């Protein structure tokens, strides 16, 4: 599993609000049984965005907002097949992680 790969949300109860998750965890930690992910919610449903913390990305032709502050761990085996990659958004996603953790 590569960092910044996108998967269908493994939680069926949360899939309506956040159909996808993005893997945030470094590839160097693939041996761990869980993955740190953040949910992706349709941007058109978002009324308030925190600049830098909530980057907007595109998956399968639709715009989504990464809810970095709702990130958490899920069992790796629940993620299934990769849908796409946000590797080209590495800078924005890494910046959002920095903002979440350090505030800058």
PDB file of N, CA and C in Angstrom:
ATOM      1  N   UNK A   1       0.847  -1.188   0.000  1.00  0.00           N
ATOM      2  CA  UNK A   1       0.000   0.000   0.000  1.00  0.00           C
ATOM      3  C   UNK A   1       0.880   1.234   0.000  1.00  0.00           C
ATOM      4  N   UNK A   2       0.663   2.071  -0.954  1.00  0.00           N
ATOM      5  CA  UNK A   2       1.478   3.276  -1.062  1.00  0.00           C
ATOM      6  C   UNK A   2       0.817   4.448  -0.331  1.00  0.00           C
ATOM      7  N   UNK A   3       1.661   5.297   0.213  1.00  0.00           N
ATOM      8  CA  UNK A   3       1.165   6.508   0.857  1.00  0.00           C
ATOM      9  C   UNK A   3       0.409   7.331  -0.186  1.00  0.00           C
ATOM     10  N   UNK A   4      -0.702   7.874   0.213  1.00  0.00           N
ATOM     11  CA  UNK A   4      -1.584   8.719  -0.587  1.00  0.00           C
ATOM     12  C   UNK A   4      -2.417   7.949  -1.613  1.00  0.00           C
ATOM     13  N   UNK A   5      -2.487   6.609  -1.480  1.00  0.00           N
ATOM     14  CA  UNK A   5      -3.426   5.840  -2.291  1.00  0.00           C
ATOM     15  C   UNK A   5      -4.837   6.046  -1.737  1.00  0.00           C
ATOM     16  N   UNK A   6      -5.816   5.972  -2.607  1.00  0.00           N
ATOM     17  CA  UNK A   6      -7.222   6.173  -2.245  1.00  0.00           C
ATOM     18  C   UNK A   6      -7.952   4.835  -2.319  1.00  0.00           C
ATOM     19  N   UNK A   7      -8.796   4.595  -1.322  1.00  0.00           N
ATOM     20  CA  UNK A   7      -9.570   3.357  -1.223  1.00  0.00           C
ATOM     21  C   UNK A   7     -11.029   3.700  -0.926  1.00  0.00           C
ATOM     22  N   UNK A   8     -11.929   2.770  -1.248  1.00  0.00           N
ATOM     23  CA  UNK A   8     -13.313   2.932  -0.793  1.00  0.00           C
ATOM     24  C   UNK A   8     -13.296   2.894   0.727  1.00  0.00           C
ATOM     25  N   UNK A   9     -14.151   3.684   1.332  1.00  0.00           N
ATOM     26  CA  UNK A   9     -14.251   3.716   2.783  1.00  0.00           C
ATOM     27  C   UNK A   9     -14.623   2.323   3.281  1.00  0.00           C
ATOM     28  N   UNK A  10     -13.783   1.724   4.151  1.00  0.00           N
ATOM     29  CA  UNK A  10     -14.079   0.374   4.624  1.00  0.00           C
ATOM     30  C   UNK A  10     -15.245   0.295   5.612  1.00  0.00           C
ATOM     31  N   UNK A  11     -15.705   1.453   6.097  1.00  0.00           N
ATOM     32  CA  UNK A  11     -16.817   1.484   7.049  1.00  0.00           C
ATOM     33  C   UNK A  11     -18.124   1.703   6.282  1.00  0.00           C
ATOM     34  N   UNK A  12     -18.937   0.667   6.122  1.00  0.00           N
ATOM     35  CA  UNK A  12     -20.175   0.828   5.357  1.00  0.00           C
ATOM     36  C   UNK A  12     -21.101   1.898   5.925  1.00  0.00           C
ATOM     37  N   UNK A  13     -21.082   2.113   7.240  1.00  0.00           N
ATOM     38  CA  UNK A  13     -21.938   3.135   7.858  1.00  0.00           C
ATOM     39  C   UNK A  13     -21.463   4.544   7.548  1.00  0.00           C
ATOM     40  N   UNK A  14     -20.190   4.719   7.240  1.00  0.00           N
ATOM     41  CA  UNK A  14     -19.647   6.046   6.953  1.00  0.00           C
ATOM     42  C   UNK A  14     -19.495   6.350   5.481  1.00  0.00           C
ATOM     43  N   UNK A  15     -19.802   5.373   4.629  1.00  0.00           N
ATOM     44  CA  UNK A  15     -19.568   5.507   3.192  1.00  0.00           C
ATOM     45  C   UNK A  15     -20.435   6.563   2.513  1.00  0.00           C
ATOM     46  N   UNK A  16     -21.606   6.833   3.051  1.00  0.00           N
ATOM     47  CA  UNK A  16     -22.466   7.849   2.437  1.00  0.00           C
ATOM     48  C   UNK A  16     -21.840   9.230   2.593  1.00  0.00           C
ATOM     49  N   UNK A  17     -21.392   9.557   3.792  1.00  0.00           N
ATOM     50  CA  UNK A  17     -20.776  10.863   4.054  1.00  0.00           C
ATOM     51  C   UNK A  17     -19.368  10.957   3.486  1.00  0.00           C
ATOM     52  N   UNK A  18     -18.619   9.858   3.533  1.00  0.00           N
ATOM     53  CA  UNK A  18     -17.221   9.843   3.080  1.00  0.00           C
ATOM     54  C   UNK A  18     -16.994   8.564   2.268  1.00  0.00           C
ATOM     55  N   UNK A  19     -17.223   8.619   0.964  1.00  0.00           N
ATOM     56  CA  UNK A  19     -17.118   7.405   0.157  1.00  0.00           C
ATOM     57  C   UNK A  19     -15.707   6.834   0.030  1.00  0.00           C
ATOM     58  N   UNK A  20     -14.694   7.682   0.263  1.00  0.00           N
ATOM     59  CA  UNK A  20     -13.311   7.249   0.105  1.00  0.00           C
ATOM     60  C   UNK A  20     -12.478   7.649   1.316  1.00  0.00           C
ATOM     61  N   UNK A  21     -11.329   6.977   1.436  1.00  0.00           N
ATOM     62  CA  UNK A  21     -10.301   7.373   2.403  1.00  0.00           C
ATOM     63  C   UNK A  21      -8.967   7.424   1.662  1.00  0.00           C
ATOM     64  N   UNK A  22      -8.054   8.247   2.163  1.00  0.00           N
ATOM     65  CA  UNK A  22      -6.706   8.313   1.602  1.00  0.00           C
ATOM     66  C   UNK A  22      -5.726   7.816   2.665  1.00  0.00           C
ATOM     67  N   UNK A  23      -4.806   6.946   2.242  1.00  0.00           N
ATOM     68  CA  UNK A  23      -3.779   6.420   3.145  1.00  0.00           C
ATOM     69  C   UNK A  23      -2.723   7.484   3.387  1.00  0.00           C
ATOM     70  N   UNK A  24      -2.446   7.777   4.661  1.00  0.00           N
ATOM     71  CA  UNK A  24      -1.479   8.810   5.022  1.00  0.00           C
ATOM     72  C   UNK A  24      -0.160   8.223   5.526  1.00  0.00           C
ATOM     73  N   UNK A  25      -0.203   6.996   5.940  1.00  0.00           N
ATOM     74  CA  UNK A  25       0.936   6.335   6.562  1.00  0.00           C
ATOM     75  C   UNK A  25       2.054   6.069   5.547  1.00  0.00           C
ATOM     76  N   UNK A  26       3.296   6.217   5.985  1.00  0.00           N
ATOM     77  CA  UNK A  26       4.463   5.960   5.152  1.00  0.00           C
ATOM     78  C   UNK A  26       4.506   4.507   4.691  1.00  0.00           C
ATOM     79  N   UNK A  27       4.966   4.301   3.470  1.00  0.00           N
ATOM     80  CA  UNK A  27       5.143   2.951   2.924  1.00  0.00           C
ATOM     81  C   UNK A  27       6.133   2.141   3.766  1.00  0.00           C
ATOM     82  N   UNK A  28       7.023   2.815   4.473  1.00  0.00           N
ATOM     83  CA  UNK A  28       8.031   2.133   5.275  1.00  0.00           C
ATOM     84  C   UNK A  28       7.418   1.347   6.434  1.00  0.00           C
ATOM     85  N   UNK A  29       6.137   1.607   6.719  1.00  0.00           N
ATOM     86  CA  UNK A  29       5.465   0.944   7.834  1.00  0.00           C
ATOM     87  C   UNK A  29       4.418  -0.062   7.358  1.00  0.00           C
ATOM     88  N   UNK A  30       4.609  -0.602   6.176  1.00  0.00           N
ATOM     89  CA  UNK A  30       3.654  -1.567   5.612  1.00  0.00           C
ATOM     90  C   UNK A  30       3.497  -2.818   6.456  1.00  0.00           C
ATOM     91  N   UNK A  31       4.486  -3.140   7.278  1.00  0.00           N
ATOM     92  CA  UNK A  31       4.407  -4.360   8.091  1.00  0.00           C
ATOM     93  C   UNK A  31       3.391  -4.233   9.224  1.00  0.00           C
ATOM     94  N   UNK A  32       2.953  -3.021   9.526  1.00  0.00           N
ATOM     95  CA  UNK A  32       1.960  -2.824  10.586  1.00  0.00           C
ATOM     96  C   UNK A  32       0.580  -3.305  10.116  1.00  0.00           C
ATOM     97  N   UNK A  33      -0.236  -3.810  11.031  1.00  0.00           N
ATOM     98  CA  UNK A  33      -1.541  -4.348  10.642  1.00  0.00           C
ATOM     99  C   UNK A  33      -2.616  -3.290  10.391  1.00  0.00           C
ATOM    100  N   UNK A  34      -2.308  -2.038  10.650  1.00  0.00           N
ATOM    101  CA  UNK A  34      -3.298  -0.976  10.431  1.00  0.00           C
ATOM    102  C   UNK A  34      -2.718   0.100   9.524  1.00  0.00           C
ATOM    103  N   UNK A  35      -3.615   0.943   9.006  1.00  0.00           N
ATOM    104  CA  UNK A  35      -3.215   2.075   8.170  1.00  0.00           C
ATOM    105  C   UNK A  35      -3.883   3.334   8.700  1.00  0.00           C
ATOM    106  N   UNK A  36      -3.113   4.415   8.721  1.00  0.00           N
ATOM    107  CA  UNK A  36      -3.630   5.726   9.100  1.00  0.00           C
ATOM    108  C   UNK A  36      -4.263   6.327   7.853  1.00  0.00           C
ATOM    109  N   UNK A  37      -5.548   6.664   7.921  1.00  0.00           N
ATOM    110  CA  UNK A  37      -6.284   7.184   6.769  1.00  0.00           C
ATOM    111  C   UNK A  37      -7.087   8.421   7.167  1.00  0.00           C
ATOM    112  N   UNK A  38      -7.435   9.200   6.155  1.00  0.00           N
ATOM    113  CA  UNK A  38      -8.329  10.346   6.355  1.00  0.00           C
ATOM    114  C   UNK A  38      -9.498  10.208   5.389  1.00  0.00           C
ATOM    115  N   UNK A  39     -10.711  10.544   5.837  1.00  0.00           N
ATOM    116  CA  UNK A  39     -11.878  10.443   4.972  1.00  0.00           C
ATOM    117  C   UNK A  39     -11.934  11.563   3.934  1.00  0.00           C
ATOM    118  N   UNK A  40     -12.517  11.221   2.791  1.00  0.00           N
ATOM    119  CA  UNK A  40     -12.762  12.196   1.721  1.00  0.00           C
ATOM    120  C   UNK A  40     -14.265  12.403   1.609  1.00  0.00           C
ATOM    121  N   UNK A  41     -14.693  13.657   1.742  1.00  0.00           N
ATOM    122  CA  UNK A  41     -16.116  13.981   1.651  1.00  0.00           C
ATOM    123  C   UNK A  41     -16.342  14.881   0.442  1.00  0.00           C
ATOM    124  N   UNK A  42     -17.481  14.720  -0.209  1.00  0.00           N
ATOM    125  CA  UNK A  42     -17.795  15.541  -1.382  1.00  0.00           C
ATOM    126  C   UNK A  42     -17.694  17.026  -1.034  1.00  0.00           C
ATOM    127  N   UNK A  43     -16.941  17.746  -1.821  1.00  0.00           N
ATOM    128  CA  UNK A  43     -16.706  19.164  -1.534  1.00  0.00           C
ATOM    129  C   UNK A  43     -17.975  19.995  -1.571  1.00  0.00           C
ATOM    130  N   UNK A  44     -18.899  19.630  -2.437  1.00  0.00           N
ATOM    131  CA  UNK A  44     -20.130  20.437  -2.547  1.00  0.00           C
ATOM    132  C   UNK A  44     -20.977  20.371  -1.278  1.00  0.00           C
ATOM    133  N   UNK A  45     -20.690  19.424  -0.385  1.00  0.00           N
ATOM    134  CA  UNK A  45     -21.446  19.308   0.863  1.00  0.00           C
ATOM    135  C   UNK A  45     -20.774  20.039   2.032  1.00  0.00           C
ATOM    136  N   UNK A  46     -19.610  20.644   1.783  1.00  0.00           N
ATOM    137  CA  UNK A  46     -18.826  21.267   2.845  1.00  0.00           C
ATOM    138  C   UNK A  46     -19.143  22.758   2.917  1.00  0.00           C
ATOM    139  N   UNK A  47     -19.577  23.214   4.083  1.00  0.00           N
ATOM    140  CA  UNK A  47     -19.908  24.628   4.248  1.00  0.00           C
ATOM    141  C   UNK A  47     -18.764  25.421   4.874  1.00  0.00           C
ATOM    142  N   UNK A  48     -17.855  24.752   5.566  1.00  0.00           N
ATOM    143  CA  UNK A  48     -16.745  25.436   6.233  1.00  0.00           C
ATOM    144  C   UNK A  48     -15.456  24.675   5.974  1.00  0.00           C
ATOM    145  N   UNK A  49     -14.449  25.370   5.492  1.00  0.00           N
ATOM    146  CA  UNK A  49     -13.168  24.751   5.183  1.00  0.00           C
ATOM    147  C   UNK A  49     -12.066  25.484   5.942  1.00  0.00           C
ATOM    148  N   UNK A  50     -11.183  24.736   6.597  1.00  0.00           N
ATOM    149  CA  UNK A  50     -10.034  25.322   7.283  1.00  0.00           C
ATOM    150  C   UNK A  50      -8.874  25.301   6.291  1.00  0.00           C
ATOM    151  N   UNK A  51      -8.417  26.473   5.897  1.00  0.00           N
ATOM    152  CA  UNK A  51      -7.371  26.619   4.886  1.00  0.00           C
ATOM    153  C   UNK A  51      -6.124  25.830   5.267  1.00  0.00           C
ATOM    154  N   UNK A  52      -5.634  25.037   4.321  1.00  0.00           N
ATOM    155  CA  UNK A  52      -4.428  24.245   4.530  1.00  0.00           C
ATOM    156  C   UNK A  52      -4.678  22.905   5.192  1.00  0.00           C
ATOM    157  N   UNK A  53      -5.622  22.850   6.114  1.00  0.00           N
ATOM    158  CA  UNK A  53      -5.911  21.614   6.843  1.00  0.00           C
ATOM    159  C   UNK A  53      -6.813  20.676   6.046  1.00  0.00           C
ATOM    160  N   UNK A  54      -7.601  21.228   5.149  1.00  0.00           N
ATOM    161  CA  UNK A  54      -8.610  20.457   4.429  1.00  0.00           C
ATOM    162  C   UNK A  54      -8.436  20.620   2.917  1.00  0.00           C
ATOM    163  N   UNK A  55      -7.391  20.019   2.337  1.00  0.00           N
ATOM    164  CA  UNK A  55      -7.170  20.190   0.898  1.00  0.00           C
ATOM    165  C   UNK A  55      -8.291  19.574   0.068  1.00  0.00           C
ATOM    166  N   UNK A  56      -8.517  20.182  -1.078  1.00  0.00           N
ATOM    167  CA  UNK A  56      -9.499  19.656  -2.016  1.00  0.00           C
ATOM    168  C   UNK A  56      -8.757  18.818  -3.059  1.00  0.00           C
ATOM    169  N   UNK A  57      -9.305  17.646  -3.363  1.00  0.00           N
ATOM    170  CA  UNK A  57      -8.688  16.721  -4.309  1.00  0.00           C
ATOM    171  C   UNK A  57      -9.758  16.201  -5.263  1.00  0.00           C
ATOM    172  N   UNK A  58      -9.322  15.539  -6.325  1.00  0.00           N
ATOM    173  CA  UNK A  58     -10.268  14.963  -7.274  1.00  0.00           C
ATOM    174  C   UNK A  58     -10.080  13.450  -7.332  1.00  0.00           C
ATOM    175  N   UNK A  59     -11.191  12.736  -7.240  1.00  0.00           N
ATOM    176  CA  UNK A  59     -11.197  11.280  -7.345  1.00  0.00           C
ATOM    177  C   UNK A  59     -12.335  10.893  -8.275  1.00  0.00           C
ATOM    178  N   UNK A  60     -12.014  10.141  -9.305  1.00  0.00           N
ATOM    179  CA  UNK A  60     -13.001   9.669 -10.274  1.00  0.00           C
ATOM    180  C   UNK A  60     -13.871  10.808 -10.806  1.00  0.00           C
ATOM    181  N   UNK A  61     -13.230  11.935 -11.092  1.00  0.00           N
ATOM    182  CA  UNK A  61     -13.910  13.067 -11.707  1.00  0.00           C
ATOM    183  C   UNK A  61     -14.737  13.939 -10.781  1.00  0.00           C
ATOM    184  N   UNK A  62     -14.711  13.658  -9.483  1.00  0.00           N
ATOM    185  CA  UNK A  62     -15.476  14.461  -8.521  1.00  0.00           C
ATOM    186  C   UNK A  62     -14.529  15.108  -7.528  1.00  0.00           C
ATOM    187  N   UNK A  63     -14.945  16.290  -7.028  1.00  0.00           N
ATOM    188  CA  UNK A  63     -14.128  17.012  -6.051  1.00  0.00           C
ATOM    189  C   UNK A  63     -14.498  16.602  -4.633  1.00  0.00           C
ATOM    190  N   UNK A  64     -13.453  16.284  -3.867  1.00  0.00           N
ATOM    191  CA  UNK A  64     -13.605  15.872  -2.481  1.00  0.00           C
ATOM    192  C   UNK A  64     -12.719  16.729  -1.591  1.00  0.00           C
ATOM    193  N   UNK A  65     -13.109  16.839  -0.340  1.00  0.00           N
ATOM    194  CA  UNK A  65     -12.308  17.518   0.672  1.00  0.00           C
ATOM    195  C   UNK A  65     -11.751  16.469   1.613  1.00  0.00           C
ATOM    196  N   UNK A  66     -10.441  16.568   1.887  1.00  0.00           N
ATOM    197  CA  UNK A  66      -9.791  15.649   2.819  1.00  0.00           C
ATOM    198  C   UNK A  66     -10.037  16.165   4.230  1.00  0.00           C
ATOM    199  N   UNK A  67     -10.689  15.366   5.060  1.00  0.00           N
ATOM    200  CA  UNK A  67     -10.964  15.733   6.444  1.00  0.00           C
ATOM    201  C   UNK A  67      -9.834  15.218   7.325  1.00  0.00           C
ATOM    202  N   UNK A  68      -8.714  15.922   7.264  1.00  0.00           N
ATOM    203  CA  UNK A  68      -7.508  15.496   7.970  1.00  0.00           C
ATOM    204  C   UNK A  68      -7.761  15.347   9.466  1.00  0.00           C
ATOM    205  N   UNK A  69      -8.576  16.240  10.047  1.00  0.00           N
ATOM    206  CA  UNK A  69      -8.797  16.193  11.490  1.00  0.00           C
ATOM    207  C   UNK A  69      -9.702  15.038  11.920  1.00  0.00           C
ATOM    208  N   UNK A  70     -10.265  14.295  10.966  1.00  0.00           N
ATOM    209  CA  UNK A  70     -11.044  13.097  11.278  1.00  0.00           C
ATOM    210  C   UNK A  70     -10.262  11.827  10.943  1.00  0.00           C
ATOM    211  N   UNK A  71      -8.959  11.959  10.765  1.00  0.00           N
ATOM    212  CA  UNK A  71      -8.140  10.802  10.395  1.00  0.00           C
ATOM    213  C   UNK A  71      -8.004   9.828  11.554  1.00  0.00           C
ATOM    214  N   UNK A  72      -7.704   8.578  11.206  1.00  0.00           N
ATOM    215  CA  UNK A  72      -7.533   7.543  12.219  1.00  0.00           C
ATOM    216  C   UNK A  72      -7.050   6.258  11.579  1.00  0.00           C
ATOM    217  N   UNK A  73      -6.867   5.246  12.402  1.00  0.00           N
ATOM    218  CA  UNK A  73      -6.359   3.960  11.933  1.00  0.00           C
ATOM    219  C   UNK A  73      -7.497   3.002  11.608  1.00  0.00           C
ATOM    220  N   UNK A  74      -7.287   2.223  10.553  1.00  0.00           N
ATOM    221  CA  UNK A  74      -8.207   1.141  10.185  1.00  0.00           C
ATOM    222  C   UNK A  74      -7.372  -0.110   9.926  1.00  0.00           C
ATOM    223  N   UNK A  75      -7.939  -1.291  10.092  1.00  0.00           N
ATOM    224  CA  UNK A  75      -7.200  -2.509   9.761  1.00  0.00           C
ATOM    225  C   UNK A  75      -6.831  -2.514   8.270  1.00  0.00           C
ATOM    226  N   UNK A  76      -5.591  -2.778   7.973  1.00  0.00           N
ATOM    227  CA  UNK A  76      -5.106  -2.737   6.581  1.00  0.00           C
ATOM    228  C   UNK A  76      -5.910  -3.668   5.674  1.00  0.00           C
ATOM    229  N   UNK A  77      -6.273  -4.838   6.177  1.00  0.00           N
ATOM    230  CA  UNK A  77      -6.965  -5.812   5.328  1.00  0.00           C
ATOM    231  C   UNK A  77      -8.361  -5.358   4.923  1.00  0.00           C
ATOM    232  N   UNK A  78      -8.916  -4.329   5.567  1.00  0.00           N
ATOM    233  CA  UNK A  78     -10.266  -3.864   5.222  1.00  0.00           C
ATOM    234  C   UNK A  78     -10.274  -2.886   4.051  1.00  0.00           C
ATOM    235  N   UNK A  79      -9.102  -2.434   3.612  1.00  0.00           N
ATOM    236  CA  UNK A  79      -9.065  -1.388   2.593  1.00  0.00           C
ATOM    237  C   UNK A  79      -9.348  -1.878   1.179  1.00  0.00           C
ATOM    238  N   UNK A  80      -9.111  -3.120   0.882  1.00  0.00           N
ATOM    239  CA  UNK A  80      -9.414  -3.621  -0.454  1.00  0.00           C
ATOM    240  C   UNK A  80      -8.469  -3.082  -1.509  1.00  0.00           C
ATOM    241  N   UNK A  81      -8.989  -2.927  -2.728  1.00  0.00           N
ATOM    242  CA  UNK A  81      -8.169  -2.500  -3.866  1.00  0.00           C
ATOM    243  C   UNK A  81      -8.074  -0.982  -3.948  1.00  0.00           C
ATOM    244  N   UNK A  82      -6.936  -0.533  -4.400  1.00  0.00           N
ATOM    245  CA  UNK A  82      -6.690   0.899  -4.597  1.00  0.00           C
ATOM    246  C   UNK A  82      -7.602   1.420  -5.704  1.00  0.00           C
ATOM    247  N   UNK A  83      -8.199   2.593  -5.452  1.00  0.00           N
ATOM    248  CA  UNK A  83      -9.059   3.251  -6.442  1.00  0.00           C
ATOM    249  C   UNK A  83      -8.229   4.195  -7.312  1.00  0.00           C
ATOM    250  N   UNK A  84      -7.380   4.985  -6.661  1.00  0.00           N
ATOM    251  CA  UNK A  84      -6.515   5.935  -7.361  1.00  0.00           C
ATOM    252  C   UNK A  84      -5.407   6.375  -6.411  1.00  0.00           C
ATOM    253  N   UNK A  85      -4.620   7.337  -6.849  1.00  0.00           N
ATOM    254  CA  UNK A  85      -3.530   7.858  -6.028  1.00  0.00           C
ATOM    255  C   UNK A  85      -3.588   9.379  -5.998  1.00  0.00           C
ATOM    256  N   UNK A  86      -3.236   9.933  -4.848  1.00  0.00           N
ATOM    257  CA  UNK A  86      -3.125  11.396  -4.707  1.00  0.00           C
ATOM    258  C   UNK A  86      -1.664  11.787  -4.539  1.00  0.00           C
ATOM    259  N   UNK A  87      -0.759  10.956  -5.045  1.00  0.00           N
ATOM    260  CA  UNK A  87       0.677  11.224  -4.965  1.00  0.00           C
ATOM    261  C   UNK A  87       1.020  12.600  -5.538  1.00  0.00           C
ATOM    262  N   UNK A  88       0.309  13.001  -6.579  1.00  0.00           N
ATOM    263  CA  UNK A  88       0.569  14.317  -7.175  1.00  0.00           C
ATOM    264  C   UNK A  88       0.160  15.465  -6.250  1.00  0.00           C
ATOM    265  N   UNK A  89      -0.525  15.174  -5.160  1.00  0.00           N
ATOM    266  CA  UNK A  89      -0.937  16.182  -4.173  1.00  0.00           C
ATOM    267  C   UNK A  89      -0.141  16.031  -2.879  1.00  0.00           C
ATOM    268  N   UNK A  90       0.999  15.327  -2.952  1.00  0.00           N
ATOM    269  CA  UNK A  90       1.848  15.054  -1.792  1.00  0.00           C
ATOM    270  C   UNK A  90       2.133  16.316  -0.970  1.00  0.00           C
ATOM    271  N   UNK A  91       2.477  17.416  -1.616  1.00  0.00           N
ATOM    272  CA  UNK A  91       2.824  18.638  -0.894  1.00  0.00           C
ATOM    273  C   UNK A  91       1.648  19.126  -0.049  1.00  0.00           C
ATOM    274  N   UNK A  92       0.460  19.225  -0.646  1.00  0.00           N
ATOM    275  CA  UNK A  92      -0.714  19.719   0.085  1.00  0.00           C
ATOM    276  C   UNK A  92      -1.117  18.775   1.219  1.00  0.00           C
ATOM    277  N   UNK A  93      -1.051  17.473   0.961  1.00  0.00           N
ATOM    278  CA  UNK A  93      -1.424  16.506   1.992  1.00  0.00           C
ATOM    279  C   UNK A  93      -0.412  16.500   3.140  1.00  0.00           C
ATOM    280  N   UNK A  94       0.867  16.579   2.818  1.00  0.00           N
ATOM    281  CA  UNK A  94       1.898  16.642   3.864  1.00  0.00           C
ATOM    282  C   UNK A  94       1.767  17.922   4.673  1.00  0.00           C
ATOM    283  N   UNK A  95       1.446  19.011   4.013  1.00  0.00           N
ATOM    284  CA  UNK A  95       1.232  20.294   4.715  1.00  0.00           C
ATOM    285  C   UNK A  95       0.043  20.183   5.668  1.00  0.00           C
ATOM    286  N   UNK A  96      -1.019  19.539   5.228  1.00  0.00           N
ATOM    287  CA  UNK A  96      -2.196  19.376   6.087  1.00  0.00           C
ATOM    288  C   UNK A  96      -1.863  18.522   7.307  1.00  0.00           C
ATOM    289  N   UNK A  97      -1.056  17.486   7.134  1.00  0.00           N
ATOM    290  CA  UNK A  97      -0.617  16.673   8.271  1.00  0.00           C
ATOM    291  C   UNK A  97       0.181  17.531   9.240  1.00  0.00           C
ATOM    292  N   UNK A  98       1.091  18.359   8.716  1.00  0.00           N
ATOM    293  CA  UNK A  98       1.883  19.247   9.573  1.00  0.00           C
ATOM    294  C   UNK A  98       1.001  20.215  10.352  1.00  0.00           C
ATOM    295  N   UNK A  99       0.005  20.769   9.689  1.00  0.00           N
ATOM    296  CA  UNK A  99      -0.918  21.705  10.356  1.00  0.00           C
ATOM    297  C   UNK A  99      -1.672  20.995  11.465  1.00  0.00           C
ATOM    298  N   UNK A 100      -2.133  19.767  11.197  1.00  0.00           N
ATOM    299  CA  UNK A 100      -2.876  19.005  12.198  1.00  0.00           C
ATOM    300  C   UNK A 100      -2.008  18.711  13.425  1.00  0.00           C
ATOM    301  N   UNK A 101      -0.765  18.315  13.182  1.00  0.00           N
ATOM    302  CA  UNK A 101       0.100  17.869  14.271  1.00  0.00           C
ATOM    303  C   UNK A 101       0.786  19.022  14.999  1.00  0.00           C
ATOM    304  N   UNK A 102       1.285  20.010  14.244  1.00  0.00           N
ATOM    305  CA  UNK A 102       2.067  21.070  14.875  1.00  0.00           C
ATOM    306  C   UNK A 102       1.392  22.446  14.865  1.00  0.00           C
ATOM    307  N   UNK A 103       0.342  22.573  14.104  1.00  0.00           N
ATOM    308  CA  UNK A 103      -0.355  23.856  14.043  1.00  0.00           C
ATOM    309  C   UNK A 103       0.243  24.834  13.032  1.00  0.00           C
ATOM    310  N   UNK A 104       1.311  24.419  12.379  1.00  0.00           N
ATOM    311  CA  UNK A 104       1.925  25.291  11.349  1.00  0.00           C
ATOM    312  C   UNK A 104       2.234  24.507  10.094  1.00  0.00           C
TER     313      UNK A 104
END
